[in-house]
């Protein structure tokens, strides 16, 4: 029971996608988070993500991660 490990993908972004400043404890706390996305069609998502990564800036990637 559960989800097959082959269907899981882990991405650690660390300081790459902060949603708050790391200059204070409150901001660092907000940046400690996990985002979980459930995807039905992995082929479509992978190709769209690859295309987006070649055309979007870091600011837009931050918005994409937060969706």
N, C-alpha and C. Protein backbone atom coordinates (compact mmCIF):
# COMPACT_ATOMS: atom_id res chain seq x y z
N UNK A 1 0.85 -1.18 0.00
CA UNK A 1 0.00 0.00 0.00
C UNK A 1 0.90 1.25 0.00
N UNK A 2 0.38 2.34 -0.44
CA UNK A 2 1.15 3.58 -0.49
C UNK A 2 1.51 3.94 -1.91
N UNK A 3 2.57 4.71 -2.06
CA UNK A 3 3.00 5.18 -3.38
C UNK A 3 4.34 4.53 -3.71
N UNK A 4 4.44 4.00 -4.91
CA UNK A 4 5.68 3.39 -5.38
C UNK A 4 6.78 4.44 -5.39
N UNK A 5 7.94 4.10 -4.83
CA UNK A 5 9.07 5.04 -4.77
C UNK A 5 9.48 5.55 -6.15
N UNK A 6 9.27 4.74 -7.17
CA UNK A 6 9.63 5.14 -8.53
C UNK A 6 8.78 6.31 -9.01
N UNK A 7 7.65 6.54 -8.36
CA UNK A 7 6.76 7.64 -8.77
C UNK A 7 7.04 8.93 -8.00
N UNK A 8 8.00 8.90 -7.08
CA UNK A 8 8.31 10.07 -6.27
C UNK A 8 9.57 10.75 -6.80
N UNK A 9 9.56 12.06 -6.72
CA UNK A 9 10.73 12.84 -7.10
C UNK A 9 10.97 13.87 -6.02
N UNK A 10 12.19 13.92 -5.52
CA UNK A 10 12.54 14.87 -4.47
C UNK A 10 13.43 15.94 -5.08
N UNK A 11 13.07 17.18 -4.81
CA UNK A 11 13.89 18.31 -5.25
C UNK A 11 14.17 19.17 -4.03
N UNK A 12 15.43 19.33 -3.70
CA UNK A 12 15.82 20.17 -2.58
C UNK A 12 16.32 21.50 -3.15
N UNK A 13 15.62 22.56 -2.84
CA UNK A 13 15.98 23.86 -3.41
C UNK A 13 16.74 24.75 -2.43
N UNK A 14 16.62 24.46 -1.14
CA UNK A 14 17.35 25.23 -0.16
C UNK A 14 17.12 26.72 -0.30
N UNK A 15 18.19 27.46 -0.46
CA UNK A 15 18.10 28.92 -0.55
C UNK A 15 17.68 29.41 -1.93
N UNK A 16 17.49 28.50 -2.87
CA UNK A 16 17.18 28.90 -4.25
C UNK A 16 15.80 29.56 -4.39
N UNK A 17 14.82 29.11 -3.62
CA UNK A 17 13.46 29.63 -3.75
C UNK A 17 12.92 30.14 -2.41
N UNK A 18 13.53 31.14 -1.82
CA UNK A 18 13.00 31.64 -0.54
C UNK A 18 11.69 32.41 -0.75
N UNK A 19 10.80 32.32 0.23
CA UNK A 19 9.57 33.12 0.17
C UNK A 19 9.66 34.28 1.16
N UNK A 20 10.72 34.29 1.95
CA UNK A 20 10.94 35.36 2.92
C UNK A 20 12.45 35.55 3.08
N UNK A 21 12.83 36.61 3.76
CA UNK A 21 14.23 36.89 3.99
C UNK A 21 14.83 35.88 4.97
N UNK A 22 16.07 35.50 4.75
CA UNK A 22 16.77 34.63 5.69
C UNK A 22 17.56 35.45 6.71
N UNK A 23 17.31 36.76 6.75
CA UNK A 23 18.03 37.64 7.66
C UNK A 23 17.55 37.56 9.10
N UNK A 24 16.35 36.99 9.32
CA UNK A 24 15.84 36.90 10.69
C UNK A 24 15.16 35.54 10.90
N UNK A 25 14.91 35.20 12.17
CA UNK A 25 14.34 33.89 12.51
C UNK A 25 12.97 33.67 11.88
N UNK A 26 12.14 34.70 11.85
CA UNK A 26 10.79 34.55 11.27
C UNK A 26 10.87 34.21 9.78
N UNK A 27 11.73 34.89 9.06
CA UNK A 27 11.89 34.61 7.63
C UNK A 27 12.45 33.22 7.39
N UNK A 28 13.44 32.82 8.18
CA UNK A 28 14.00 31.48 8.02
C UNK A 28 12.96 30.41 8.30
N UNK A 29 12.09 30.65 9.28
CA UNK A 29 11.02 29.70 9.59
C UNK A 29 10.07 29.56 8.40
N UNK A 30 9.73 30.66 7.76
CA UNK A 30 8.84 30.61 6.59
C UNK A 30 9.48 29.86 5.43
N UNK A 31 10.79 29.90 5.34
CA UNK A 31 11.49 29.23 4.25
C UNK A 31 11.68 27.74 4.49
N UNK A 32 11.37 27.27 5.69
CA UNK A 32 11.44 25.83 5.98
C UNK A 32 10.09 25.23 5.63
N UNK A 33 10.00 24.66 4.45
CA UNK A 33 8.72 24.14 3.99
C UNK A 33 8.93 23.02 2.99
N UNK A 34 7.88 22.28 2.80
CA UNK A 34 7.86 21.20 1.80
C UNK A 34 6.66 21.44 0.91
N UNK A 35 6.85 21.34 -0.38
CA UNK A 35 5.75 21.47 -1.34
C UNK A 35 5.51 20.11 -1.96
N UNK A 36 4.27 19.68 -1.92
CA UNK A 36 3.89 18.39 -2.49
C UNK A 36 2.94 18.62 -3.64
N UNK A 37 3.28 18.07 -4.80
CA UNK A 37 2.40 18.17 -5.97
C UNK A 37 2.02 16.76 -6.39
N UNK A 38 0.74 16.54 -6.58
CA UNK A 38 0.25 15.26 -7.09
C UNK A 38 0.02 15.43 -8.58
N UNK A 39 0.63 14.58 -9.38
CA UNK A 39 0.59 14.71 -10.83
C UNK A 39 0.07 13.42 -11.44
N UNK A 40 -0.92 13.55 -12.32
CA UNK A 40 -1.50 12.38 -12.99
C UNK A 40 -0.68 11.97 -14.21
N UNK A 41 -0.27 12.93 -15.03
CA UNK A 41 0.41 12.66 -16.29
C UNK A 41 1.85 13.13 -16.21
N UNK A 42 2.75 12.26 -15.77
CA UNK A 42 4.13 12.67 -15.54
C UNK A 42 4.85 13.05 -16.82
N UNK A 43 4.52 12.43 -17.95
CA UNK A 43 5.17 12.80 -19.21
C UNK A 43 4.87 14.24 -19.58
N UNK A 44 3.63 14.64 -19.44
CA UNK A 44 3.22 16.01 -19.78
C UNK A 44 3.89 17.00 -18.84
N UNK A 45 3.90 16.71 -17.55
CA UNK A 45 4.47 17.63 -16.57
C UNK A 45 5.97 17.77 -16.80
N UNK A 46 6.65 16.67 -17.05
CA UNK A 46 8.09 16.73 -17.28
C UNK A 46 8.42 17.57 -18.50
N UNK A 47 7.72 17.38 -19.60
CA UNK A 47 8.03 18.15 -20.80
C UNK A 47 7.69 19.62 -20.61
N UNK A 48 6.59 19.92 -19.91
CA UNK A 48 6.24 21.32 -19.64
C UNK A 48 7.25 21.96 -18.71
N UNK A 49 7.70 21.23 -17.70
CA UNK A 49 8.68 21.78 -16.77
C UNK A 49 10.00 22.03 -17.48
N UNK A 50 10.43 21.11 -18.33
CA UNK A 50 11.66 21.31 -19.08
C UNK A 50 11.58 22.55 -19.97
N UNK A 51 10.45 22.71 -20.65
CA UNK A 51 10.26 23.87 -21.52
C UNK A 51 10.25 25.16 -20.69
N UNK A 52 9.58 25.14 -19.55
CA UNK A 52 9.49 26.32 -18.70
C UNK A 52 10.85 26.70 -18.14
N UNK A 53 11.65 25.72 -17.78
CA UNK A 53 12.96 26.00 -17.20
C UNK A 53 13.91 26.64 -18.20
N UNK A 54 13.68 26.46 -19.47
CA UNK A 54 14.56 27.08 -20.46
C UNK A 54 14.11 28.48 -20.83
N UNK A 55 12.88 28.87 -20.43
CA UNK A 55 12.37 30.17 -20.86
C UNK A 55 12.03 31.13 -19.73
N UNK A 56 11.97 30.65 -18.49
CA UNK A 56 11.54 31.52 -17.40
C UNK A 56 12.72 31.98 -16.56
N UNK A 57 12.55 33.12 -15.91
CA UNK A 57 13.58 33.63 -15.03
C UNK A 57 13.40 33.04 -13.65
N UNK A 58 14.37 33.27 -12.78
CA UNK A 58 14.29 32.75 -11.42
C UNK A 58 13.05 33.27 -10.71
N UNK A 59 12.67 34.51 -10.92
CA UNK A 59 11.47 35.06 -10.30
C UNK A 59 10.24 34.27 -10.70
N UNK A 60 10.10 33.96 -11.98
CA UNK A 60 8.96 33.19 -12.44
C UNK A 60 9.01 31.76 -11.92
N UNK A 61 10.20 31.19 -11.79
CA UNK A 61 10.32 29.84 -11.24
C UNK A 61 9.86 29.81 -9.80
N UNK A 62 10.14 30.87 -9.05
CA UNK A 62 9.68 30.94 -7.67
C UNK A 62 8.17 30.89 -7.64
N UNK A 63 7.50 31.63 -8.51
CA UNK A 63 6.04 31.62 -8.56
C UNK A 63 5.53 30.24 -8.95
N UNK A 64 6.21 29.57 -9.87
CA UNK A 64 5.81 28.25 -10.32
C UNK A 64 5.87 27.25 -9.17
N UNK A 65 6.90 27.32 -8.35
CA UNK A 65 7.05 26.40 -7.23
C UNK A 65 5.95 26.61 -6.21
N UNK A 66 5.51 27.83 -6.02
CA UNK A 66 4.51 28.13 -5.01
C UNK A 66 3.10 27.74 -5.41
N UNK A 67 2.84 27.46 -6.67
CA UNK A 67 1.49 27.12 -7.13
C UNK A 67 1.04 25.79 -6.60
